[in-house]
Amino acid sequence: MVDATLRTHKFHDLSHFGLRISVGVLLIVHSLGKFSSGGAGFFSSIGLPPEMALLIGLLESIGGALLVAGVLTRIAASLLAMEMLVIMIHIKKLQAFSGPNGLELDLLVFVIVLTVAVLGPGRISISHAVKKLPRFLQ
């Protein structure tokens, strides 16, 4: 019984770590296009100020890096969840689940970062190693 419990906890920690790392890296890579002139042009084409490309790019790259490191995870994940919600409601207008402007990837990222915001950084993180951070900063 104890052995099964230990394995479950290890797999729980590893799966939580895997989710955090994969969505963090995905957001970092996704943010890179926003730092070029094409990012500003895209934001203009959807009716947003081109300066927003830099701000959103910074949110995604810094937020993704914080998720990967496991530092300030709840705050970063909460901000990223709000961004995904705005994208789904304001930009894509909840029109289609799949297809060229589908919500599927945005919804998946939203659910993952919301899960990370609720569960925190997990044991495989810098926050857990430091142990002196207040819970809301984890």
Protein backbone atom coordinates (compact mmCIF):
# COMPACT_ATOMS: atom_id res chain seq x y z
CA MET A 1 0.00 0.00 0.00
CA VAL A 2 2.76 2.43 0.91
CA ASP A 3 4.68 1.56 -2.25
CA ALA A 4 1.65 2.30 -4.45
CA THR A 5 1.10 5.61 -2.67
CA LEU A 6 4.70 6.66 -3.20
CA ARG A 7 4.53 5.81 -6.90
CA THR A 8 1.29 7.74 -7.27
CA HIS A 9 2.85 10.82 -5.68
CA LYS A 10 5.93 10.55 -7.90
CA PHE A 11 3.80 10.29 -11.04
CA HIS A 12 1.63 13.16 -9.81
CA ASP A 13 4.72 15.35 -9.33
CA LEU A 14 6.16 14.34 -12.70
CA SER A 15 2.90 14.90 -14.57
CA HIS A 16 2.43 18.30 -12.93
CA PHE A 17 6.02 19.19 -13.84
CA GLY A 18 5.45 17.99 -17.42
CA LEU A 19 2.32 20.12 -17.82
CA ARG A 20 4.08 23.19 -16.43
CA ILE A 21 7.16 22.72 -18.63
CA SER A 22 5.24 21.94 -21.83
CA VAL A 23 2.85 24.89 -21.60
CA GLY A 24 5.70 27.20 -20.51
CA VAL A 25 7.87 26.25 -23.49
CA LEU A 26 4.87 26.46 -25.84
CA LEU A 27 4.14 30.01 -24.65
CA ILE A 28 7.79 31.09 -24.94
CA VAL A 29 8.04 29.79 -28.51
CA HIS A 30 4.63 31.27 -29.38
CA SER A 31 5.68 34.68 -28.03
CA LEU A 32 8.72 35.01 -30.29
CA GLY A 33 6.67 36.05 -33.32
CA LYS A 34 5.20 38.97 -31.43
CA PHE A 35 8.58 40.70 -31.17
CA SER A 36 8.92 41.10 -34.95
CA SER A 37 7.21 43.60 -37.22
CA GLY A 38 4.83 40.83 -38.28
CA GLY A 39 3.46 40.64 -34.75
CA ALA A 40 2.65 44.35 -34.72
CA GLY A 41 1.05 44.02 -38.16
CA PHE A 42 -1.12 41.14 -37.01
CA PHE A 43 -2.32 43.09 -33.98
CA SER A 44 -3.19 46.03 -36.26
CA SER A 45 -5.12 43.72 -38.59
CA ILE A 46 -7.38 42.53 -35.76
CA GLY A 47 -8.05 46.06 -34.52
CA LEU A 48 -5.62 46.20 -31.61
CA PRO A 49 -2.84 48.76 -31.17
CA PRO A 50 0.44 47.41 -32.58
CA GLU A 51 2.16 48.21 -29.25
CA MET A 52 0.09 45.43 -27.67
CA ALA A 53 2.21 42.87 -29.54
CA LEU A 54 5.21 43.75 -27.38
CA LEU A 55 3.19 43.64 -24.14
CA ILE A 56 1.53 40.33 -24.97
CA GLY A 57 4.87 38.93 -26.15
CA LEU A 58 6.45 39.90 -22.84
CA LEU A 59 3.56 38.38 -20.89
CA GLU A 60 3.85 35.10 -22.77
CA SER A 61 7.66 34.88 -22.70
CA ILE A 62 8.16 35.96 -19.08
CA GLY A 63 5.08 34.06 -17.92
CA GLY A 64 6.24 30.95 -19.77
CA ALA A 65 9.72 31.23 -18.24
CA LEU A 66 8.21 31.58 -14.75
CA LEU A 67 6.11 28.47 -15.36
CA VAL A 68 9.16 26.53 -16.52
CA ALA A 69 11.18 27.62 -13.47
CA GLY A 70 8.31 27.15 -11.05
CA VAL A 71 8.61 30.65 -9.57
CA LEU A 72 5.63 32.98 -9.09
CA THR A 73 3.69 30.22 -10.80
CA ARG A 74 0.22 31.10 -9.53
CA ILE A 75 0.53 34.75 -10.55
CA ALA A 76 1.98 33.95 -13.99
CA ALA A 77 -0.60 31.23 -14.65
CA SER A 78 -3.46 33.52 -13.57
CA LEU A 79 -2.33 36.29 -15.93
CA LEU A 80 -1.91 33.82 -18.78
CA ALA A 81 -5.37 32.36 -18.10
CA MET A 82 -6.86 35.86 -18.32
CA GLU A 83 -5.02 36.41 -21.61
CA MET A 84 -6.39 33.17 -23.06
CA LEU A 85 -9.90 34.10 -21.93
CA VAL A 86 -9.64 37.50 -23.65
CA ILE A 87 -8.35 35.82 -26.82
CA MET A 88 -11.25 33.36 -26.87
CA ILE A 89 -13.96 35.93 -26.11
CA HIS A 90 -12.73 39.18 -27.67
CA ILE A 91 -10.49 38.10 -30.54
CA LYS A 92 -12.05 34.81 -31.65
CA LYS A 93 -15.53 35.70 -30.37
CA LEU A 94 -16.25 32.07 -29.40
CA GLN A 95 -17.15 31.36 -33.04
CA ALA A 96 -15.78 27.91 -33.81
CA PHE A 97 -14.20 25.16 -31.77
CA SER A 98 -11.98 23.87 -34.59
CA GLY A 99 -10.70 25.16 -37.89
CA PRO A 100 -8.44 28.09 -38.84
CA ASN A 101 -9.70 30.39 -36.05
CA GLY A 102 -10.72 27.61 -33.70
CA LEU A 103 -10.67 27.81 -29.95
CA GLU A 104 -9.21 24.35 -29.33
CA LEU A 105 -5.57 25.35 -28.69
CA ASP A 106 -6.51 28.47 -26.72
CA LEU A 107 -8.98 26.48 -24.63
CA LEU A 108 -6.38 23.78 -23.96
CA VAL A 109 -3.79 26.35 -22.84
CA PHE A 110 -6.47 28.08 -20.72
CA VAL A 111 -7.37 24.84 -18.93
CA ILE A 112 -3.71 23.93 -18.32
CA VAL A 113 -2.68 27.33 -16.94
CA LEU A 114 -5.86 27.49 -14.84
CA THR A 115 -4.98 24.07 -13.41
CA VAL A 116 -1.45 25.25 -12.64
CA ALA A 117 -2.83 28.42 -11.01
CA VAL A 118 -5.05 26.34 -8.74
CA LEU A 119 -2.56 23.58 -7.90
CA GLY A 120 0.54 25.77 -7.66
CA PRO A 121 4.05 24.94 -8.84
CA GLY A 122 4.28 21.42 -7.44
CA ARG A 123 7.23 19.74 -5.75
CA ILE A 124 9.55 19.88 -8.75
CA SER A 125 10.01 23.64 -8.76
CA ILE A 126 12.24 26.39 -7.46
CA SER A 127 9.39 27.61 -5.23
CA HIS A 128 9.21 24.24 -3.50
CA ALA A 129 13.00 24.13 -3.08
CA VAL A 130 13.08 27.60 -1.49
CA LYS A 131 10.15 26.83 0.88
CA LYS A 132 10.11 30.34 2.36
CA LEU A 133 7.87 31.93 -0.25
CA PRO A 134 4.31 32.69 0.86
CA ARG A 135 1.74 30.50 -0.87
CA PHE A 136 0.39 33.30 -3.09
CA LEU A 137 3.91 33.88 -4.49
CA GLN A 138 4.48 30.24 -5.37
